[in-house]
């Protein structure tokens, strides 16, 4: 949570550089992987962004339980997102990266 200027919910941002330079809102149980929610300026819903690099540079609104890794992996899920992502969506490698609308 280095240089955090936003809000971070409980049980969030556990790994290396998670929520680094966060300026947005990270809700409970989110961003618990390396570089997840890095430079986030948007809103990250509960239990979201659980993959390495997930939701980095997010500037949109991510619904609860979205942007997750799967059994097959999942890096940079929802990276550079700018729009709204529905709950329980965008799962797996690169899903919804540079996403414009959902």
PDB file of N, CA and C in Angstrom:
ATOM      1  N   UNK A   1       0.829  -1.212   0.000  1.00  0.00           N
ATOM      2  CA  UNK A   1       0.000   0.000   0.000  1.00  0.00           C
ATOM      3  C   UNK A   1       0.864   1.262   0.000  1.00  0.00           C
ATOM      4  N   UNK A   2       2.066   1.166  -0.491  1.00  0.00           N
ATOM      5  CA  UNK A   2       2.993   2.290  -0.537  1.00  0.00           C
ATOM      6  C   UNK A   2       2.379   3.462  -1.294  1.00  0.00           C
ATOM      7  N   UNK A   3       2.469   4.642  -0.740  1.00  0.00           N
ATOM      8  CA  UNK A   3       1.940   5.886  -1.303  1.00  0.00           C
ATOM      9  C   UNK A   3       0.432   5.819  -1.562  1.00  0.00           C
ATOM     10  N   UNK A   4      -0.290   5.111  -0.703  1.00  0.00           N
ATOM     11  CA  UNK A   4      -1.739   5.053  -0.814  1.00  0.00           C
ATOM     12  C   UNK A   4      -2.350   6.403  -0.456  1.00  0.00           C
ATOM     13  N   UNK A   5      -3.274   6.861  -1.273  1.00  0.00           N
ATOM     14  CA  UNK A   5      -4.005   8.105  -0.997  1.00  0.00           C
ATOM     15  C   UNK A   5      -5.508   7.904  -1.078  1.00  0.00           C
ATOM     16  N   UNK A   6      -5.901   6.649  -1.290  1.00  0.00           N
ATOM     17  CA  UNK A   6      -7.322   6.344  -1.392  1.00  0.00           C
ATOM     18  C   UNK A   6      -7.818   5.611  -0.162  1.00  0.00           C
ATOM     19  N   UNK A   7      -8.828   4.776  -0.346  1.00  0.00           N
ATOM     20  CA  UNK A   7      -9.357   3.991   0.765  1.00  0.00           C
ATOM     21  C   UNK A   7      -9.176   2.512   0.465  1.00  0.00           C
ATOM     22  N   UNK A   8      -8.853   1.747   1.490  1.00  0.00           N
ATOM     23  CA  UNK A   8      -8.612   0.317   1.353  1.00  0.00           C
ATOM     24  C   UNK A   8      -9.398  -0.416   2.432  1.00  0.00           C
ATOM     25  N   UNK A   9     -10.232  -1.365   1.991  1.00  0.00           N
ATOM     26  CA  UNK A   9     -11.042  -2.147   2.921  1.00  0.00           C
ATOM     27  C   UNK A   9     -10.235  -3.213   3.629  1.00  0.00           C
ATOM     28  N   UNK A  10     -10.857  -3.852   4.606  1.00  0.00           N
ATOM     29  CA  UNK A  10     -10.165  -4.875   5.388  1.00  0.00           C
ATOM     30  C   UNK A  10      -9.830  -6.098   4.531  1.00  0.00           C
ATOM     31  N   UNK A  11      -8.754  -6.790   4.929  1.00  0.00           N
ATOM     32  CA  UNK A  11      -8.272  -8.005   4.262  1.00  0.00           C
ATOM     33  C   UNK A  11      -7.956  -7.788   2.784  1.00  0.00           C
ATOM     34  N   UNK A  12      -7.359  -6.665   2.461  1.00  0.00           N
ATOM     35  CA  UNK A  12      -7.014  -6.335   1.078  1.00  0.00           C
ATOM     36  C   UNK A  12      -5.534  -5.990   0.949  1.00  0.00           C
ATOM     37  N   UNK A  13      -5.013  -6.103  -0.271  1.00  0.00           N
ATOM     38  CA  UNK A  13      -3.674  -5.599  -0.609  1.00  0.00           C
ATOM     39  C   UNK A  13      -2.560  -6.274   0.180  1.00  0.00           C
ATOM     40  N   UNK A  14      -2.497  -7.608   0.136  1.00  0.00           N
ATOM     41  CA  UNK A  14      -1.538  -8.348   0.958  1.00  0.00           C
ATOM     42  C   UNK A  14      -0.173  -8.559   0.334  1.00  0.00           C
ATOM     43  N   UNK A  15      -0.036  -8.579  -0.962  1.00  0.00           N
ATOM     44  CA  UNK A  15       1.209  -8.986  -1.602  1.00  0.00           C
ATOM     45  C   UNK A  15       2.072  -7.813  -2.057  1.00  0.00           C
ATOM     46  N   UNK A  16       3.251  -8.124  -2.580  1.00  0.00           N
ATOM     47  CA  UNK A  16       4.226  -7.131  -3.028  1.00  0.00           C
ATOM     48  C   UNK A  16       3.615  -6.139  -4.026  1.00  0.00           C
ATOM     49  N   UNK A  17       3.712  -4.877  -3.708  1.00  0.00           N
ATOM     50  CA  UNK A  17       3.214  -3.761  -4.516  1.00  0.00           C
ATOM     51  C   UNK A  17       1.712  -3.794  -4.790  1.00  0.00           C
ATOM     52  N   UNK A  18       0.969  -4.581  -4.046  1.00  0.00           N
ATOM     53  CA  UNK A  18      -0.490  -4.532  -4.171  1.00  0.00           C
ATOM     54  C   UNK A  18      -0.969  -3.171  -3.666  1.00  0.00           C
ATOM     55  N   UNK A  19      -1.824  -2.536  -4.437  1.00  0.00           N
ATOM     56  CA  UNK A  19      -2.394  -1.226  -4.097  1.00  0.00           C
ATOM     57  C   UNK A  19      -1.343  -0.118  -4.012  1.00  0.00           C
ATOM     58  N   UNK A  20      -0.211  -0.330  -4.631  1.00  0.00           N
ATOM     59  CA  UNK A  20       0.852   0.678  -4.696  1.00  0.00           C
ATOM     60  C   UNK A  20       0.310   1.922  -5.396  1.00  0.00           C
ATOM     61  N   UNK A  21       0.469   3.069  -4.798  1.00  0.00           N
ATOM     62  CA  UNK A  21      -0.009   4.359  -5.306  1.00  0.00           C
ATOM     63  C   UNK A  21      -1.512   4.362  -5.595  1.00  0.00           C
ATOM     64  N   UNK A  22      -2.275   3.641  -4.791  1.00  0.00           N
ATOM     65  CA  UNK A  22      -3.730   3.648  -4.928  1.00  0.00           C
ATOM     66  C   UNK A  22      -4.282   5.037  -4.625  1.00  0.00           C
ATOM     67  N   UNK A  23      -5.167   5.518  -5.491  1.00  0.00           N
ATOM     68  CA  UNK A  23      -5.851   6.796  -5.263  1.00  0.00           C
ATOM     69  C   UNK A  23      -7.362   6.600  -5.261  1.00  0.00           C
ATOM     70  N   UNK A  24      -7.786   5.383  -5.515  1.00  0.00           N
ATOM     71  CA  UNK A  24      -9.215   5.101  -5.601  1.00  0.00           C
ATOM     72  C   UNK A  24      -9.753   4.428  -4.361  1.00  0.00           C
ATOM     73  N   UNK A  25     -10.746   3.558  -4.580  1.00  0.00           N
ATOM     74  CA  UNK A  25     -11.387   2.858  -3.476  1.00  0.00           C
ATOM     75  C   UNK A  25     -11.247   1.355  -3.702  1.00  0.00           C
ATOM     76  N   UNK A  26     -10.620   0.689  -2.753  1.00  0.00           N
ATOM     77  CA  UNK A  26     -10.477  -0.770  -2.784  1.00  0.00           C
ATOM     78  C   UNK A  26     -11.317  -1.318  -1.640  1.00  0.00           C
ATOM     79  N   UNK A  27     -12.305  -2.132  -1.982  1.00  0.00           N
ATOM     80  CA  UNK A  27     -13.191  -2.671  -0.953  1.00  0.00           C
ATOM     81  C   UNK A  27     -12.629  -3.955  -0.353  1.00  0.00           C
ATOM     82  N   UNK A  28     -13.320  -4.529   0.589  1.00  0.00           N
ATOM     83  CA  UNK A  28     -12.841  -5.672   1.385  1.00  0.00           C
ATOM     84  C   UNK A  28     -12.483  -6.898   0.558  1.00  0.00           C
ATOM     85  N   UNK A  29     -11.406  -7.583   0.977  1.00  0.00           N
ATOM     86  CA  UNK A  29     -11.025  -8.858   0.393  1.00  0.00           C
ATOM     87  C   UNK A  29     -10.546  -8.795  -1.036  1.00  0.00           C
ATOM     88  N   UNK A  30      -9.932  -7.693  -1.420  1.00  0.00           N
ATOM     89  CA  UNK A  30      -9.525  -7.496  -2.814  1.00  0.00           C
ATOM     90  C   UNK A  30      -8.022  -7.270  -2.961  1.00  0.00           C
ATOM     91  N   UNK A  31      -7.546  -7.436  -4.197  1.00  0.00           N
ATOM     92  CA  UNK A  31      -6.168  -7.062  -4.553  1.00  0.00           C
ATOM     93  C   UNK A  31      -5.130  -7.768  -3.689  1.00  0.00           C
ATOM     94  N   UNK A  32      -5.225  -9.102  -3.605  1.00  0.00           N
ATOM     95  CA  UNK A  32      -4.312  -9.811  -2.718  1.00  0.00           C
ATOM     96  C   UNK A  32      -3.208 -10.576  -3.458  1.00  0.00           C
ATOM     97  N   UNK A  33      -2.852 -10.134  -4.654  1.00  0.00           N
ATOM     98  CA  UNK A  33      -1.771 -10.752  -5.418  1.00  0.00           C
ATOM     99  C   UNK A  33      -0.736  -9.698  -5.805  1.00  0.00           C
ATOM    100  N   UNK A  34       0.443 -10.141  -6.227  1.00  0.00           N
ATOM    101  CA  UNK A  34       1.514  -9.206  -6.587  1.00  0.00           C
ATOM    102  C   UNK A  34       1.059  -8.198  -7.637  1.00  0.00           C
ATOM    103  N   UNK A  35       1.369  -6.943  -7.407  1.00  0.00           N
ATOM    104  CA  UNK A  35       1.075  -5.843  -8.327  1.00  0.00           C
ATOM    105  C   UNK A  35      -0.411  -5.663  -8.639  1.00  0.00           C
ATOM    106  N   UNK A  36      -1.280  -6.272  -7.866  1.00  0.00           N
ATOM    107  CA  UNK A  36      -2.710  -6.082  -8.115  1.00  0.00           C
ATOM    108  C   UNK A  36      -3.144  -4.706  -7.628  1.00  0.00           C
ATOM    109  N   UNK A  37      -4.012  -4.077  -8.396  1.00  0.00           N
ATOM    110  CA  UNK A  37      -4.535  -2.737  -8.083  1.00  0.00           C
ATOM    111  C   UNK A  37      -3.432  -1.689  -7.997  1.00  0.00           C
ATOM    112  N   UNK A  38      -2.339  -1.930  -8.676  1.00  0.00           N
ATOM    113  CA  UNK A  38      -1.218  -0.988  -8.774  1.00  0.00           C
ATOM    114  C   UNK A  38      -1.717   0.269  -9.476  1.00  0.00           C
ATOM    115  N   UNK A  39      -1.542   1.411  -8.878  1.00  0.00           N
ATOM    116  CA  UNK A  39      -1.975   2.710  -9.401  1.00  0.00           C
ATOM    117  C   UNK A  39      -3.467   2.737  -9.731  1.00  0.00           C
ATOM    118  N   UNK A  40      -4.268   2.065  -8.926  1.00  0.00           N
ATOM    119  CA  UNK A  40      -5.723   2.111  -9.081  1.00  0.00           C
ATOM    120  C   UNK A  40      -6.240   3.511  -8.789  1.00  0.00           C
ATOM    121  N   UNK A  41      -7.130   3.997  -9.643  1.00  0.00           N
ATOM    122  CA  UNK A  41      -7.789   5.281  -9.404  1.00  0.00           C
ATOM    123  C   UNK A  41      -9.301   5.138  -9.428  1.00  0.00           C
ATOM    124  N   UNK A  42      -9.776   3.931  -9.654  1.00  0.00           N
ATOM    125  CA  UNK A  42     -11.210   3.693  -9.733  1.00  0.00           C
ATOM    126  C   UNK A  42     -11.749   3.038  -8.473  1.00  0.00           C
ATOM    127  N   UNK A  43     -12.781   2.214  -8.668  1.00  0.00           N
ATOM    128  CA  UNK A  43     -13.416   1.500  -7.563  1.00  0.00           C
ATOM    129  C   UNK A  43     -13.271   0.000  -7.813  1.00  0.00           C
ATOM    130  N   UNK A  44     -12.781  -0.696  -6.816  1.00  0.00           N
ATOM    131  CA  UNK A  44     -12.618  -2.147  -6.891  1.00  0.00           C
ATOM    132  C   UNK A  44     -13.580  -2.776  -5.892  1.00  0.00           C
ATOM    133  N   UNK A  45     -14.507  -3.589  -6.381  1.00  0.00           N
ATOM    134  CA  UNK A  45     -15.522  -4.204  -5.532  1.00  0.00           C
ATOM    135  C   UNK A  45     -14.981  -5.263  -4.600  1.00  0.00           C
ATOM    136  N   UNK A  46     -15.807  -5.716  -3.690  1.00  0.00           N
ATOM    137  CA  UNK A  46     -15.434  -6.736  -2.707  1.00  0.00           C
ATOM    138  C   UNK A  46     -14.976  -8.022  -3.386  1.00  0.00           C
ATOM    139  N   UNK A  47     -13.895  -8.602  -2.870  1.00  0.00           N
ATOM    140  CA  UNK A  47     -13.424  -9.893  -3.350  1.00  0.00           C
ATOM    141  C   UNK A  47     -13.000  -9.909  -4.802  1.00  0.00           C
ATOM    142  N   UNK A  48     -12.426  -8.835  -5.282  1.00  0.00           N
ATOM    143  CA  UNK A  48     -12.042  -8.723  -6.692  1.00  0.00           C
ATOM    144  C   UNK A  48     -10.536  -8.596  -6.880  1.00  0.00           C
ATOM    145  N   UNK A  49     -10.099  -8.768  -8.135  1.00  0.00           N
ATOM    146  CA  UNK A  49      -8.710  -8.519  -8.535  1.00  0.00           C
ATOM    147  C   UNK A  49      -7.727  -9.425  -7.801  1.00  0.00           C
ATOM    148  N   UNK A  50      -7.977 -10.724  -7.866  1.00  0.00           N
ATOM    149  CA  UNK A  50      -7.128 -11.707  -7.195  1.00  0.00           C
ATOM    150  C   UNK A  50      -6.301 -12.473  -8.215  1.00  0.00           C
ATOM    151  N   UNK A  51      -5.339 -11.801  -8.800  1.00  0.00           N
ATOM    152  CA  UNK A  51      -4.395 -12.400  -9.747  1.00  0.00           C
ATOM    153  C   UNK A  51      -3.236 -11.426  -9.887  1.00  0.00           C
ATOM    154  N   UNK A  52      -2.058 -11.917 -10.218  1.00  0.00           N
ATOM    155  CA  UNK A  52      -0.895 -11.036 -10.362  1.00  0.00           C
ATOM    156  C   UNK A  52      -1.158  -9.976 -11.423  1.00  0.00           C
ATOM    157  N   UNK A  53      -0.985  -8.715 -11.060  1.00  0.00           N
ATOM    158  CA  UNK A  53      -1.195  -7.608 -11.986  1.00  0.00           C
ATOM    159  C   UNK A  53      -2.648  -7.282 -12.255  1.00  0.00           C
ATOM    160  N   UNK A  54      -3.557  -7.937 -11.569  1.00  0.00           N
ATOM    161  CA  UNK A  54      -4.984  -7.696 -11.804  1.00  0.00           C
ATOM    162  C   UNK A  54      -5.358  -6.267 -11.438  1.00  0.00           C
ATOM    163  N   UNK A  55      -6.128  -5.648 -12.305  1.00  0.00           N
ATOM    164  CA  UNK A  55      -6.690  -4.318 -12.056  1.00  0.00           C
ATOM    165  C   UNK A  55      -5.629  -3.236 -11.921  1.00  0.00           C
ATOM    166  N   UNK A  56      -4.413  -3.475 -12.409  1.00  0.00           N
ATOM    167  CA  UNK A  56      -3.434  -2.401 -12.331  1.00  0.00           C
ATOM    168  C   UNK A  56      -3.835  -1.294 -13.288  1.00  0.00           C
ATOM    169  N   UNK A  57      -3.624  -0.071 -12.876  1.00  0.00           N
ATOM    170  CA  UNK A  57      -4.010   1.119 -13.629  1.00  0.00           C
ATOM    171  C   UNK A  57      -5.508   1.178 -13.936  1.00  0.00           C
ATOM    172  N   UNK A  58      -6.319   0.566 -13.082  1.00  0.00           N
ATOM    173  CA  UNK A  58      -7.773   0.642 -13.240  1.00  0.00           C
ATOM    174  C   UNK A  58      -8.261   2.056 -12.985  1.00  0.00           C
ATOM    175  N   UNK A  59      -9.171   2.507 -13.832  1.00  0.00           N
ATOM    176  CA  UNK A  59      -9.775   3.825 -13.650  1.00  0.00           C
ATOM    177  C   UNK A  59     -11.290   3.727 -13.801  1.00  0.00           C
ATOM    178  N   UNK A  60     -11.795   2.502 -13.774  1.00  0.00           N
ATOM    179  CA  UNK A  60     -13.233   2.288 -13.902  1.00  0.00           C
ATOM    180  C   UNK A  60     -13.819   1.761 -12.605  1.00  0.00           C
ATOM    181  N   UNK A  61     -14.938   1.061 -12.727  1.00  0.00           N
ATOM    182  CA  UNK A  61     -15.616   0.472 -11.579  1.00  0.00           C
ATOM    183  C   UNK A  61     -15.704  -1.027 -11.789  1.00  0.00           C
ATOM    184  N   UNK A  62     -15.112  -1.776 -10.894  1.00  0.00           N
ATOM    185  CA  UNK A  62     -15.056  -3.227 -11.009  1.00  0.00           C
ATOM    186  C   UNK A  62     -16.014  -3.845 -10.004  1.00  0.00           C
ATOM    187  N   UNK A  63     -16.941  -4.647 -10.514  1.00  0.00           N
ATOM    188  CA  UNK A  63     -17.948  -5.276  -9.667  1.00  0.00           C
ATOM    189  C   UNK A  63     -17.378  -6.352  -8.759  1.00  0.00           C
ATOM    190  N   UNK A  64     -18.142  -6.721  -7.741  1.00  0.00           N
ATOM    191  CA  UNK A  64     -17.721  -7.730  -6.771  1.00  0.00           C
ATOM    192  C   UNK A  64     -17.374  -9.052  -7.450  1.00  0.00           C
ATOM    193  N   UNK A  65     -16.286  -9.680  -7.026  1.00  0.00           N
ATOM    194  CA  UNK A  65     -15.918 -11.003  -7.506  1.00  0.00           C
ATOM    195  C   UNK A  65     -15.419 -11.057  -8.935  1.00  0.00           C
ATOM    196  N   UNK A  66     -14.946  -9.953  -9.464  1.00  0.00           N
ATOM    197  CA  UNK A  66     -14.475  -9.910 -10.855  1.00  0.00           C
ATOM    198  C   UNK A  66     -12.960  -9.814 -10.938  1.00  0.00           C
ATOM    199  N   UNK A  67     -12.449 -10.073 -12.158  1.00  0.00           N
ATOM    200  CA  UNK A  67     -11.014  -9.918 -12.451  1.00  0.00           C
ATOM    201  C   UNK A  67     -10.177 -10.890 -11.619  1.00  0.00           C
ATOM    202  N   UNK A  68     -10.432 -12.166 -11.827  1.00  0.00           N
ATOM    203  CA  UNK A  68      -9.818 -13.223 -11.030  1.00  0.00           C
ATOM    204  C   UNK A  68      -9.022 -14.180 -11.907  1.00  0.00           C
ATOM    205  N   UNK A  69      -8.084 -14.900 -11.264  1.00  0.00           N
ATOM    206  CA  UNK A  69      -7.388 -15.962 -11.975  1.00  0.00           C
ATOM    207  C   UNK A  69      -8.268 -17.212 -11.987  1.00  0.00           C
ATOM    208  N   UNK A  70      -7.956 -18.131 -12.885  1.00  0.00           N
ATOM    209  CA  UNK A  70      -8.667 -19.402 -12.973  1.00  0.00           C
ATOM    210  C   UNK A  70      -7.659 -20.533 -12.779  1.00  0.00           C
ATOM    211  N   UNK A  71      -8.096 -21.773 -12.932  1.00  0.00           N
ATOM    212  CA  UNK A  71      -7.189 -22.909 -12.820  1.00  0.00           C
ATOM    213  C   UNK A  71      -6.070 -22.809 -13.852  1.00  0.00           C
ATOM    214  N   UNK A  72      -6.344 -22.173 -14.969  1.00  0.00           N
ATOM    215  CA  UNK A  72      -5.368 -22.024 -16.051  1.00  0.00           C
ATOM    216  C   UNK A  72      -4.503 -20.774 -15.897  1.00  0.00           C
ATOM    217  N   UNK A  73      -4.620 -20.097 -14.783  1.00  0.00           N
ATOM    218  CA  UNK A  73      -3.819 -18.905 -14.533  1.00  0.00           C
ATOM    219  C   UNK A  73      -4.625 -17.631 -14.709  1.00  0.00           C
ATOM    220  N   UNK A  74      -3.927 -16.539 -14.691  1.00  0.00           N
ATOM    221  CA  UNK A  74      -4.612 -15.263 -14.867  1.00  0.00           C
ATOM    222  C   UNK A  74      -3.730 -14.116 -14.444  1.00  0.00           C
ATOM    223  N   UNK A  75      -3.025 -13.528 -15.377  1.00  0.00           N
ATOM    224  CA  UNK A  75      -2.220 -12.346 -15.077  1.00  0.00           C
ATOM    225  C   UNK A  75      -2.791 -11.163 -15.840  1.00  0.00           C
ATOM    226  N   UNK A  76      -2.626  -9.990 -15.273  1.00  0.00           N
ATOM    227  CA  UNK A  76      -3.079  -8.741 -15.888  1.00  0.00           C
ATOM    228  C   UNK A  76      -4.567  -8.715 -16.232  1.00  0.00           C
ATOM    229  N   UNK A  77      -5.355  -9.435 -15.460  1.00  0.00           N
ATOM    230  CA  UNK A  77      -6.799  -9.414 -15.656  1.00  0.00           C
ATOM    231  C   UNK A  77      -7.306  -8.006 -15.341  1.00  0.00           C
ATOM    232  N   UNK A  78      -8.067  -7.425 -16.250  1.00  0.00           N
ATOM    233  CA  UNK A  78      -8.647  -6.083 -16.077  1.00  0.00           C
ATOM    234  C   UNK A  78      -7.595  -4.977 -15.985  1.00  0.00           C
ATOM    235  N   UNK A  79      -6.388  -5.224 -16.450  1.00  0.00           N
ATOM    236  CA  UNK A  79      -5.368  -4.175 -16.449  1.00  0.00           C
ATOM    237  C   UNK A  79      -5.795  -3.040 -17.378  1.00  0.00           C
ATOM    238  N   UNK A  80      -5.564  -1.825 -16.970  1.00  0.00           N
ATOM    239  CA  UNK A  80      -5.897  -0.621 -17.735  1.00  0.00           C
ATOM    240  C   UNK A  80      -7.384  -0.510 -18.053  1.00  0.00           C
ATOM    241  N   UNK A  81      -8.217  -1.084 -17.206  1.00  0.00           N
ATOM    242  CA  UNK A  81      -9.654  -0.945 -17.389  1.00  0.00           C
ATOM    243  C   UNK A  81     -10.074   0.510 -17.204  1.00  0.00           C
ATOM    244  N   UNK A  82     -11.005   0.978 -18.036  1.00  0.00           N
ATOM    245  CA  UNK A  82     -11.493   2.357 -17.957  1.00  0.00           C
ATOM    246  C   UNK A  82     -13.006   2.452 -17.743  1.00  0.00           C
ATOM    247  N   UNK A  83     -13.700   1.335 -17.811  1.00  0.00           N
ATOM    248  CA  UNK A  83     -15.164   1.375 -17.749  1.00  0.00           C
ATOM    249  C   UNK A  83     -15.710   0.542 -16.597  1.00  0.00           C
ATOM    250  N   UNK A  84     -16.984   0.221 -16.666  1.00  0.00           N
ATOM    251  CA  UNK A  84     -17.653  -0.576 -15.635  1.00  0.00           C
ATOM    252  C   UNK A  84     -17.545  -2.052 -15.994  1.00  0.00           C
ATOM    253  N   UNK A  85     -17.172  -2.873 -15.022  1.00  0.00           N
ATOM    254  CA  UNK A  85     -17.116  -4.317 -15.198  1.00  0.00           C
ATOM    255  C   UNK A  85     -18.156  -4.946 -14.275  1.00  0.00           C
ATOM    256  N   UNK A  86     -19.010  -5.766 -14.854  1.00  0.00           N
ATOM    257  CA  UNK A  86     -20.086  -6.410 -14.095  1.00  0.00           C
ATOM    258  C   UNK A  86     -19.542  -7.358 -13.037  1.00  0.00           C
ATOM    259  N   UNK A  87     -20.312  -7.599 -11.973  1.00  0.00           N
ATOM    260  CA  UNK A  87     -19.883  -8.557 -10.948  1.00  0.00           C
ATOM    261  C   UNK A  87     -19.663  -9.949 -11.536  1.00  0.00           C
ATOM    262  N   UNK A  88     -18.730 -10.687 -10.949  1.00  0.00           N
ATOM    263  CA  UNK A  88     -18.434 -12.076 -11.319  1.00  0.00           C
ATOM    264  C   UNK A  88     -18.098 -12.252 -12.797  1.00  0.00           C
ATOM    265  N   UNK A  89     -17.315 -11.354 -13.345  1.00  0.00           N
ATOM    266  CA  UNK A  89     -16.912 -11.479 -14.741  1.00  0.00           C
ATOM    267  C   UNK A  89     -15.411 -11.242 -14.892  1.00  0.00           C
ATOM    268  N   UNK A  90     -14.906 -11.398 -16.103  1.00  0.00           N
ATOM    269  CA  UNK A  90     -13.506 -11.154 -16.448  1.00  0.00           C
ATOM    270  C   UNK A  90     -12.558 -12.055 -15.650  1.00  0.00           C
ATOM    271  N   UNK A  91     -12.471 -13.304 -16.069  1.00  0.00           N
ATOM    272  CA  UNK A  91     -11.627 -14.271 -15.359  1.00  0.00           C
ATOM    273  C   UNK A  91     -10.671 -14.960 -16.332  1.00  0.00           C
ATOM    274  N   UNK A  92      -9.394 -15.042 -15.949  1.00  0.00           N
ATOM    275  CA  UNK A  92      -8.383 -15.709 -16.756  1.00  0.00           C
ATOM    276  C   UNK A  92      -7.380 -14.728 -17.333  1.00  0.00           C
ATOM    277  N   UNK A  93      -6.326 -15.239 -17.957  1.00  0.00           N
ATOM    278  CA  UNK A  93      -5.227 -14.422 -18.485  1.00  0.00           C
ATOM    279  C   UNK A  93      -5.705 -13.275 -19.378  1.00  0.00           C
ATOM    280  N   UNK A  94      -5.378 -12.063 -18.992  1.00  0.00           N
ATOM    281  CA  UNK A  94      -5.645 -10.892 -19.809  1.00  0.00           C
ATOM    282  C   UNK A  94      -7.107 -10.543 -20.024  1.00  0.00           C
ATOM    283  N   UNK A  95      -8.015 -11.223 -19.356  1.00  0.00           N
ATOM    284  CA  UNK A  95      -9.450 -10.961 -19.547  1.00  0.00           C
ATOM    285  C   UNK A  95      -9.759  -9.496 -19.216  1.00  0.00           C
ATOM    286  N   UNK A  96     -10.499  -8.866 -20.113  1.00  0.00           N
ATOM    287  CA  UNK A  96     -10.945  -7.479 -19.948  1.00  0.00           C
ATOM    288  C   UNK A  96      -9.798  -6.473 -19.796  1.00  0.00           C
ATOM    289  N   UNK A  97      -8.610  -6.825 -20.223  1.00  0.00           N
ATOM    290  CA  UNK A  97      -7.503  -5.864 -20.192  1.00  0.00           C
ATOM    291  C   UNK A  97      -7.774  -4.800 -21.244  1.00  0.00           C
ATOM    292  N   UNK A  98      -7.450  -3.556 -20.910  1.00  0.00           N
ATOM    293  CA  UNK A  98      -7.710  -2.401 -21.767  1.00  0.00           C
ATOM    294  C   UNK A  98      -9.167  -2.356 -22.182  1.00  0.00           C
ATOM    295  N   UNK A  99     -10.006  -2.715 -21.244  1.00  0.00           N
ATOM    296  CA  UNK A  99     -11.443  -2.858 -21.454  1.00  0.00           C
ATOM    297  C   UNK A  99     -12.128  -1.491 -21.559  1.00  0.00           C
ATOM    298  N   UNK A 100     -13.014  -1.371 -22.498  1.00  0.00           N
ATOM    299  CA  UNK A 100     -13.720  -0.105 -22.701  1.00  0.00           C
ATOM    300  C   UNK A 100     -15.165  -0.114 -22.228  1.00  0.00           C
ATOM    301  N   UNK A 101     -15.837  -1.247 -22.237  1.00  0.00           N
ATOM    302  CA  UNK A 101     -17.218  -1.292 -21.731  1.00  0.00           C
ATOM    303  C   UNK A 101     -17.649  -2.726 -21.524  1.00  0.00           C
ATOM    304  N   UNK A 102     -18.618  -2.926 -20.606  1.00  0.00           N
ATOM    305  CA  UNK A 102     -19.138  -4.270 -20.354  1.00  0.00           C
ATOM    306  C   UNK A 102     -20.608  -4.151 -20.017  1.00  0.00           C
TER     307      UNK A 102
END
